Amino acid sequence: MQKQTIGYTSPLDTLVAVAKRLSLYEKGQQLSSEDFFDQYSWGHLGDEALYVEWANDYRHYLALRQDLEELLVQRQD
């Protein structure tokens, strides 16, 4: 499978794109990303490509959200 790299103009655009992908996973699997990631982290799910991609997207989402929150706090100071 060939991966495609997409560039975004801002961290917020990236966060929105990742959140949209997470929403697709959640609808398809009838499970929230948070619940999925908890189960995945504990080894209750396999290492199927879908799960690995979902877990990576969720980690990316969490990191982006933290970065944006830190930027907002800095701008308030």
PDB file of N, CA and C in Angstrom:
ATOM      1  N   MET A   1       0.830  -1.160   0.000  1.00  0.00           N
ATOM      2  CA  MET A   1       0.000   0.000   0.000  1.00  0.00           C
ATOM      3  C   MET A   1       0.888   1.240   0.000  1.00  0.00           C
ATOM      4  N   GLN A   2       0.607   2.160  -0.890  1.00  0.00           N
ATOM      5  CA  GLN A   2       1.404   3.372  -1.009  1.00  0.00           C
ATOM      6  C   GLN A   2       0.779   4.481  -0.173  1.00  0.00           C
ATOM      7  N   LYS A   3       1.593   5.130   0.637  1.00  0.00           N
ATOM      8  CA  LYS A   3       1.121   6.215   1.488  1.00  0.00           C
ATOM      9  C   LYS A   3       1.218   7.525   0.729  1.00  0.00           C
ATOM     10  N   GLN A   4       0.263   8.400   0.997  1.00  0.00           N
ATOM     11  CA  GLN A   4       0.243   9.716   0.379  1.00  0.00           C
ATOM     12  C   GLN A   4       0.497  10.759   1.456  1.00  0.00           C
ATOM     13  N   THR A   5       1.355  11.711   1.183  1.00  0.00           N
ATOM     14  CA  THR A   5       1.641  12.777   2.112  1.00  0.00           C
ATOM     15  C   THR A   5       0.851  14.007   1.697  1.00  0.00           C
ATOM     16  N   ILE A   6       0.132  14.569   2.665  1.00  0.00           N
ATOM     17  CA  ILE A   6      -0.673  15.753   2.405  1.00  0.00           C
ATOM     18  C   ILE A   6      -0.158  16.868   3.297  1.00  0.00           C
ATOM     19  N   GLY A   7       0.064  18.041   2.723  1.00  0.00           N
ATOM     20  CA  GLY A   7       0.516  19.192   3.495  1.00  0.00           C
ATOM     21  C   GLY A   7      -0.650  20.099   3.823  1.00  0.00           C
ATOM     22  N   TYR A   8      -0.686  20.592   5.053  1.00  0.00           N
ATOM     23  CA  TYR A   8      -1.734  21.504   5.484  1.00  0.00           C
ATOM     24  C   TYR A   8      -1.119  22.848   5.796  1.00  0.00           C
ATOM     25  N   THR A   9      -1.924  23.898   5.696  1.00  0.00           N
ATOM     26  CA  THR A   9      -1.406  25.247   5.877  1.00  0.00           C
ATOM     27  C   THR A   9      -1.299  25.663   7.335  1.00  0.00           C
ATOM     28  N   SER A  10      -1.991  24.958   8.226  1.00  0.00           N
ATOM     29  CA  SER A  10      -1.918  25.323   9.642  1.00  0.00           C
ATOM     30  C   SER A  10      -2.173  24.087  10.507  1.00  0.00           C
ATOM     31  N   PRO A  11      -1.743  24.152  11.762  1.00  0.00           N
ATOM     32  CA  PRO A  11      -2.018  23.047  12.673  1.00  0.00           C
ATOM     33  C   PRO A  11      -3.519  22.819  12.863  1.00  0.00           C
ATOM     34  N   LEU A  12      -4.303  23.891  12.801  1.00  0.00           N
ATOM     35  CA  LEU A  12      -5.747  23.751  12.950  1.00  0.00           C
ATOM     36  C   LEU A  12      -6.347  22.987  11.770  1.00  0.00           C
ATOM     37  N   ASP A  13      -5.887  23.286  10.557  1.00  0.00           N
ATOM     38  CA  ASP A  13      -6.344  22.536   9.378  1.00  0.00           C
ATOM     39  C   ASP A  13      -5.992  21.056   9.508  1.00  0.00           C
ATOM     40  N   THR A  14      -4.814  20.786  10.013  1.00  0.00           N
ATOM     41  CA  THR A  14      -4.389  19.402  10.209  1.00  0.00           C
ATOM     42  C   THR A  14      -5.272  18.707  11.236  1.00  0.00           C
ATOM     43  N   LEU A  15      -5.558  19.398  12.342  1.00  0.00           N
ATOM     44  CA  LEU A  15      -6.406  18.831  13.382  1.00  0.00           C
ATOM     45  C   LEU A  15      -7.795  18.496  12.832  1.00  0.00           C
ATOM     46  N   VAL A  16      -8.354  19.388  12.037  1.00  0.00           N
ATOM     47  CA  VAL A  16      -9.680  19.150  11.453  1.00  0.00           C
ATOM     48  C   VAL A  16      -9.642  17.931  10.534  1.00  0.00           C
ATOM     49  N   ALA A  17      -8.614  17.814   9.719  1.00  0.00           N
ATOM     50  CA  ALA A  17      -8.500  16.676   8.796  1.00  0.00           C
ATOM     51  C   ALA A  17      -8.376  15.356   9.558  1.00  0.00           C
ATOM     52  N   VAL A  18      -7.568  15.347  10.601  1.00  0.00           N
ATOM     53  CA  VAL A  18      -7.391  14.129  11.396  1.00  0.00           C
ATOM     54  C   VAL A  18      -8.696  13.793  12.118  1.00  0.00           C
ATOM     55  N   ALA A  19      -9.378  14.796  12.638  1.00  0.00           N
ATOM     56  CA  ALA A  19     -10.656  14.555  13.324  1.00  0.00           C
ATOM     57  C   ALA A  19     -11.687  13.964  12.370  1.00  0.00           C
ATOM     58  N   LYS A  20     -11.683  14.402  11.121  1.00  0.00           N
ATOM     59  CA  LYS A  20     -12.601  13.836  10.122  1.00  0.00           C
ATOM     60  C   LYS A  20     -12.287  12.364   9.869  1.00  0.00           C
ATOM     61  N   ARG A  21     -10.999  12.028   9.799  1.00  0.00           N
ATOM     62  CA  ARG A  21     -10.623  10.620   9.611  1.00  0.00           C
ATOM     63  C   ARG A  21     -11.055   9.791  10.811  1.00  0.00           C
ATOM     64  N   LEU A  22     -10.858  10.327  12.016  1.00  0.00           N
ATOM     65  CA  LEU A  22     -11.282   9.613  13.221  1.00  0.00           C
ATOM     66  C   LEU A  22     -12.791   9.369  13.202  1.00  0.00           C
ATOM     67  N   SER A  23     -13.532  10.342  12.747  1.00  0.00           N
ATOM     68  CA  SER A  23     -14.986  10.203  12.674  1.00  0.00           C
ATOM     69  C   SER A  23     -15.379   9.058  11.742  1.00  0.00           C
ATOM     70  N   LEU A  24     -14.651   8.906  10.646  1.00  0.00           N
ATOM     71  CA  LEU A  24     -14.939   7.806   9.714  1.00  0.00           C
ATOM     72  C   LEU A  24     -14.669   6.447  10.358  1.00  0.00           C
ATOM     73  N   TYR A  25     -13.562   6.349  11.081  1.00  0.00           N
ATOM     74  CA  TYR A  25     -13.267   5.104  11.798  1.00  0.00           C
ATOM     75  C   TYR A  25     -14.381   4.797  12.802  1.00  0.00           C
ATOM     76  N   GLU A  26     -14.768   5.826  13.561  1.00  0.00           N
ATOM     77  CA  GLU A  26     -15.769   5.641  14.610  1.00  0.00           C
ATOM     78  C   GLU A  26     -17.109   5.183  14.036  1.00  0.00           C
ATOM     79  N   LYS A  27     -17.519   5.790  12.938  1.00  0.00           N
ATOM     80  CA  LYS A  27     -18.782   5.392  12.308  1.00  0.00           C
ATOM     81  C   LYS A  27     -18.700   3.973  11.768  1.00  0.00           C
ATOM     82  N   GLY A  28     -17.589   3.639  11.156  1.00  0.00           N
ATOM     83  CA  GLY A  28     -17.426   2.311  10.579  1.00  0.00           C
ATOM     84  C   GLY A  28     -17.336   1.208  11.612  1.00  0.00           C
ATOM     85  N   GLN A  29     -16.768   1.501  12.764  1.00  0.00           N
ATOM     86  CA  GLN A  29     -16.554   0.489  13.794  1.00  0.00           C
ATOM     87  C   GLN A  29     -17.535   0.613  14.961  1.00  0.00           C
ATOM     88  N   GLN A  30     -18.375   1.653  14.945  1.00  0.00           N
ATOM     89  CA  GLN A  30     -19.351   1.880  16.019  1.00  0.00           C
ATOM     90  C   GLN A  30     -18.669   1.927  17.392  1.00  0.00           C
ATOM     91  N   LEU A  31     -17.569   2.709  17.445  1.00  0.00           N
ATOM     92  CA  LEU A  31     -16.767   2.802  18.657  1.00  0.00           C
ATOM     93  C   LEU A  31     -16.067   4.146  18.670  1.00  0.00           C
ATOM     94  N   SER A  32     -16.061   4.814  19.814  1.00  0.00           N
ATOM     95  CA  SER A  32     -15.349   6.092  19.889  1.00  0.00           C
ATOM     96  C   SER A  32     -13.846   5.848  19.788  1.00  0.00           C
ATOM     97  N   SER A  33     -13.132   6.838  19.326  1.00  0.00           N
ATOM     98  CA  SER A  33     -11.678   6.708  19.210  1.00  0.00           C
ATOM     99  C   SER A  33     -11.033   6.524  20.573  1.00  0.00           C
ATOM    100  N   GLU A  34     -11.564   7.193  21.573  1.00  0.00           N
ATOM    101  CA  GLU A  34     -11.011   7.055  22.924  1.00  0.00           C
ATOM    102  C   GLU A  34     -11.174   5.625  23.435  1.00  0.00           C
ATOM    103  N   ASP A  35     -12.374   5.053  23.265  1.00  0.00           N
ATOM    104  CA  ASP A  35     -12.604   3.668  23.701  1.00  0.00           C
ATOM    105  C   ASP A  35     -11.771   2.687  22.876  1.00  0.00           C
ATOM    106  N   PHE A  36     -11.712   2.936  21.564  1.00  0.00           N
ATOM    107  CA  PHE A  36     -10.890   2.087  20.713  1.00  0.00           C
ATOM    108  C   PHE A  36      -9.440   2.097  21.189  1.00  0.00           C
ATOM    109  N   PHE A  37      -8.896   3.296  21.402  1.00  0.00           N
ATOM    110  CA  PHE A  37      -7.488   3.403  21.745  1.00  0.00           C
ATOM    111  C   PHE A  37      -7.186   2.740  23.080  1.00  0.00           C
ATOM    112  N   ASP A  38      -8.115   2.843  24.015  1.00  0.00           N
ATOM    113  CA  ASP A  38      -7.952   2.175  25.304  1.00  0.00           C
ATOM    114  C   ASP A  38      -7.861   0.660  25.102  1.00  0.00           C
ATOM    115  N   GLN A  39      -8.788   0.107  24.337  1.00  0.00           N
ATOM    116  CA  GLN A  39      -8.784  -1.334  24.072  1.00  0.00           C
ATOM    117  C   GLN A  39      -7.539  -1.751  23.287  1.00  0.00           C
ATOM    118  N   TYR A  40      -7.178  -0.948  22.299  1.00  0.00           N
ATOM    119  CA  TYR A  40      -6.006  -1.237  21.468  1.00  0.00           C
ATOM    120  C   TYR A  40      -4.730  -1.227  22.310  1.00  0.00           C
ATOM    121  N   SER A  41      -4.614  -0.221  23.178  1.00  0.00           N
ATOM    122  CA  SER A  41      -3.419  -0.085  24.019  1.00  0.00           C
ATOM    123  C   SER A  41      -3.251  -1.249  24.980  1.00  0.00           C
ATOM    124  N   TRP A  42      -4.368  -1.812  25.424  1.00  0.00           N
ATOM    125  CA  TRP A  42      -4.319  -2.949  26.335  1.00  0.00           C
ATOM    126  C   TRP A  42      -4.174  -4.275  25.599  1.00  0.00           C
ATOM    127  N   GLY A  43      -4.086  -4.228  24.278  1.00  0.00           N
ATOM    128  CA  GLY A  43      -3.877  -5.437  23.500  1.00  0.00           C
ATOM    129  C   GLY A  43      -5.128  -6.260  23.266  1.00  0.00           C
ATOM    130  N   HIS A  44      -6.298  -5.643  23.455  1.00  0.00           N
ATOM    131  CA  HIS A  44      -7.552  -6.365  23.273  1.00  0.00           C
ATOM    132  C   HIS A  44      -7.970  -6.453  21.802  1.00  0.00           C
ATOM    133  N   LEU A  45      -7.278  -5.730  20.944  1.00  0.00           N
ATOM    134  CA  LEU A  45      -7.576  -5.756  19.514  1.00  0.00           C
ATOM    135  C   LEU A  45      -6.322  -6.216  18.774  1.00  0.00           C
ATOM    136  N   GLY A  46      -6.494  -6.698  17.583  1.00  0.00           N
ATOM    137  CA  GLY A  46      -5.355  -7.172  16.806  1.00  0.00           C
ATOM    138  C   GLY A  46      -4.538  -6.049  16.202  1.00  0.00           C
ATOM    139  N   ASP A  47      -3.585  -6.430  15.382  1.00  0.00           N
ATOM    140  CA  ASP A  47      -2.721  -5.466  14.710  1.00  0.00           C
ATOM    141  C   ASP A  47      -3.079  -5.319  13.241  1.00  0.00           C
ATOM    142  N   GLU A  48      -4.376  -5.367  12.954  1.00  0.00           N
ATOM    143  CA  GLU A  48      -4.821  -5.163  11.588  1.00  0.00           C
ATOM    144  C   GLU A  48      -4.422  -3.770  11.131  1.00  0.00           C
ATOM    145  N   ALA A  49      -4.234  -3.601   9.842  1.00  0.00           N
ATOM    146  CA  ALA A  49      -3.820  -2.305   9.295  1.00  0.00           C
ATOM    147  C   ALA A  49      -4.778  -1.194   9.710  1.00  0.00           C
ATOM    148  N   LEU A  50      -6.072  -1.483   9.709  1.00  0.00           N
ATOM    149  CA  LEU A  50      -7.065  -0.484  10.098  1.00  0.00           C
ATOM    150  C   LEU A  50      -6.818   0.000  11.518  1.00  0.00           C
ATOM    151  N   TYR A  51      -6.544  -0.921  12.431  1.00  0.00           N
ATOM    152  CA  TYR A  51      -6.328  -0.547  13.827  1.00  0.00           C
ATOM    153  C   TYR A  51      -5.031   0.240  14.008  1.00  0.00           C
ATOM    154  N   VAL A  52      -4.007  -0.163  13.302  1.00  0.00           N
ATOM    155  CA  VAL A  52      -2.727   0.555  13.397  1.00  0.00           C
ATOM    156  C   VAL A  52      -2.887   1.983  12.877  1.00  0.00           C
ATOM    157  N   GLU A  53      -3.571   2.145  11.739  1.00  0.00           N
ATOM    158  CA  GLU A  53      -3.794   3.483  11.184  1.00  0.00           C
ATOM    159  C   GLU A  53      -4.659   4.324  12.117  1.00  0.00           C
ATOM    160  N   TRP A  54      -5.713   3.721  12.662  1.00  0.00           N
ATOM    161  CA  TRP A  54      -6.587   4.434  13.578  1.00  0.00           C
ATOM    162  C   TRP A  54      -5.817   4.880  14.815  1.00  0.00           C
ATOM    163  N   ALA A  55      -5.034   3.989  15.388  1.00  0.00           N
ATOM    164  CA  ALA A  55      -4.240   4.334  16.572  1.00  0.00           C
ATOM    165  C   ALA A  55      -3.249   5.456  16.259  1.00  0.00           C
ATOM    166  N   ASN A  56      -2.596   5.391  15.112  1.00  0.00           N
ATOM    167  CA  ASN A  56      -1.659   6.451  14.732  1.00  0.00           C
ATOM    168  C   ASN A  56      -2.376   7.780  14.539  1.00  0.00           C
ATOM    169  N   ASP A  57      -3.542   7.748  13.890  1.00  0.00           N
ATOM    170  CA  ASP A  57      -4.307   8.978  13.711  1.00  0.00           C
ATOM    171  C   ASP A  57      -4.754   9.541  15.060  1.00  0.00           C
ATOM    172  N   TYR A  58      -5.145   8.674  15.981  1.00  0.00           N
ATOM    173  CA  TYR A  58      -5.584   9.152  17.291  1.00  0.00           C
ATOM    174  C   TYR A  58      -4.408   9.766  18.067  1.00  0.00           C
ATOM    175  N   ARG A  59      -3.256   9.129  18.007  1.00  0.00           N
ATOM    176  CA  ARG A  59      -2.054   9.707  18.656  1.00  0.00           C
ATOM    177  C   ARG A  59      -1.730  11.071  18.050  1.00  0.00           C
ATOM    178  N   HIS A  60      -1.825  11.160  16.734  1.00  0.00           N
ATOM    179  CA  HIS A  60      -1.560  12.416  16.035  1.00  0.00           C
ATOM    180  C   HIS A  60      -2.557  13.481  16.482  1.00  0.00           C
ATOM    181  N   TYR A  61      -3.831  13.100  16.570  1.00  0.00           N
ATOM    182  CA  TYR A  61      -4.878  14.014  17.020  1.00  0.00           C
ATOM    183  C   TYR A  61      -4.573  14.542  18.425  1.00  0.00           C
ATOM    184  N   LEU A  62      -4.219  13.655  19.330  1.00  0.00           N
ATOM    185  CA  LEU A  62      -3.914  14.067  20.705  1.00  0.00           C
ATOM    186  C   LEU A  62      -2.726  15.027  20.755  1.00  0.00           C
ATOM    187  N   ALA A  63      -1.688  14.741  19.985  1.00  0.00           N
ATOM    188  CA  ALA A  63      -0.504  15.601  19.965  1.00  0.00           C
ATOM    189  C   ALA A  63      -0.841  16.973  19.374  1.00  0.00           C
ATOM    190  N   LEU A  64      -1.601  16.992  18.293  1.00  0.00           N
ATOM    191  CA  LEU A  64      -1.994  18.263  17.684  1.00  0.00           C
ATOM    192  C   LEU A  64      -2.844  19.094  18.638  1.00  0.00           C
ATOM    193  N   ARG A  65      -3.785  18.436  19.291  1.00  0.00           N
ATOM    194  CA  ARG A  65      -4.662  19.136  20.226  1.00  0.00           C
ATOM    195  C   ARG A  65      -3.856  19.735  21.375  1.00  0.00           C
ATOM    196  N   GLN A  66      -2.895  18.981  21.887  1.00  0.00           N
ATOM    197  CA  GLN A  66      -2.050  19.494  22.969  1.00  0.00           C
ATOM    198  C   GLN A  66      -1.227  20.689  22.486  1.00  0.00           C
ATOM    199  N   ASP A  67      -0.647  20.583  21.295  1.00  0.00           N
ATOM    200  CA  ASP A  67       0.136  21.692  20.743  1.00  0.00           C
ATOM    201  C   ASP A  67      -0.710  22.954  20.590  1.00  0.00           C
ATOM    202  N   LEU A  68      -1.925  22.801  20.076  1.00  0.00           N
ATOM    203  CA  LEU A  68      -2.803  23.956  19.889  1.00  0.00           C
ATOM    204  C   LEU A  68      -3.232  24.559  21.228  1.00  0.00           C
ATOM    205  N   GLU A  69      -3.493  23.719  22.207  1.00  0.00           N
ATOM    206  CA  GLU A  69      -3.856  24.220  23.527  1.00  0.00           C
ATOM    207  C   GLU A  69      -2.706  25.017  24.138  1.00  0.00           C
ATOM    208  N   GLU A  70      -1.487  24.532  23.960  1.00  0.00           N
ATOM    209  CA  GLU A  70      -0.320  25.250  24.478  1.00  0.00           C
ATOM    210  C   GLU A  70      -0.151  26.594  23.772  1.00  0.00           C
ATOM    211  N   LEU A  71      -0.377  26.625  22.466  1.00  0.00           N
ATOM    212  CA  LEU A  71      -0.297  27.889  21.726  1.00  0.00           C
ATOM    213  C   LEU A  71      -1.343  28.878  22.209  1.00  0.00           C
ATOM    214  N   LEU A  72      -2.531  28.418  22.480  1.00  0.00           N
ATOM    215  CA  LEU A  72      -3.582  29.298  22.968  1.00  0.00           C
ATOM    216  C   LEU A  72      -3.245  29.861  24.336  1.00  0.00           C
ATOM    217  N   VAL A  73      -2.685  29.044  25.202  1.00  0.00           N
ATOM    218  CA  VAL A  73      -2.290  29.503  26.529  1.00  0.00           C
ATOM    219  C   VAL A  73      -1.194  30.557  26.404  1.00  0.00           C
ATOM    220  N   GLN A  74      -0.237  30.336  25.528  1.00  0.00           N
ATOM    221  CA  GLN A  74       0.861  31.300  25.319  1.00  0.00           C
ATOM    222  C   GLN A  74       0.320  32.645  24.817  1.00  0.00           C
ATOM    223  N   ARG A  75      -0.652  32.606  23.971  1.00  0.00           N
ATOM    224  CA  ARG A  75      -1.211  33.857  23.418  1.00  0.00           C
ATOM    225  C   ARG A  75      -2.034  34.611  24.431  1.00  0.00           C
ATOM    226  N   GLN A  76      -2.546  33.909  25.440  1.00  0.00           N
ATOM    227  CA  GLN A  76      -3.320  34.583  26.482  1.00  0.00           C
ATOM    228  C   GLN A  76      -2.409  35.307  27.452  1.00  0.00           C
ATOM    229  N   ASP A  77      -1.166  34.869  27.550  1.00  0.00           N
ATOM    230  CA  ASP A  77      -0.213  35.476  28.490  1.00  0.00           C
ATOM    231  C   ASP A  77       0.288  36.812  28.014  1.00  0.00           C
TER     232      ASP A  77
END
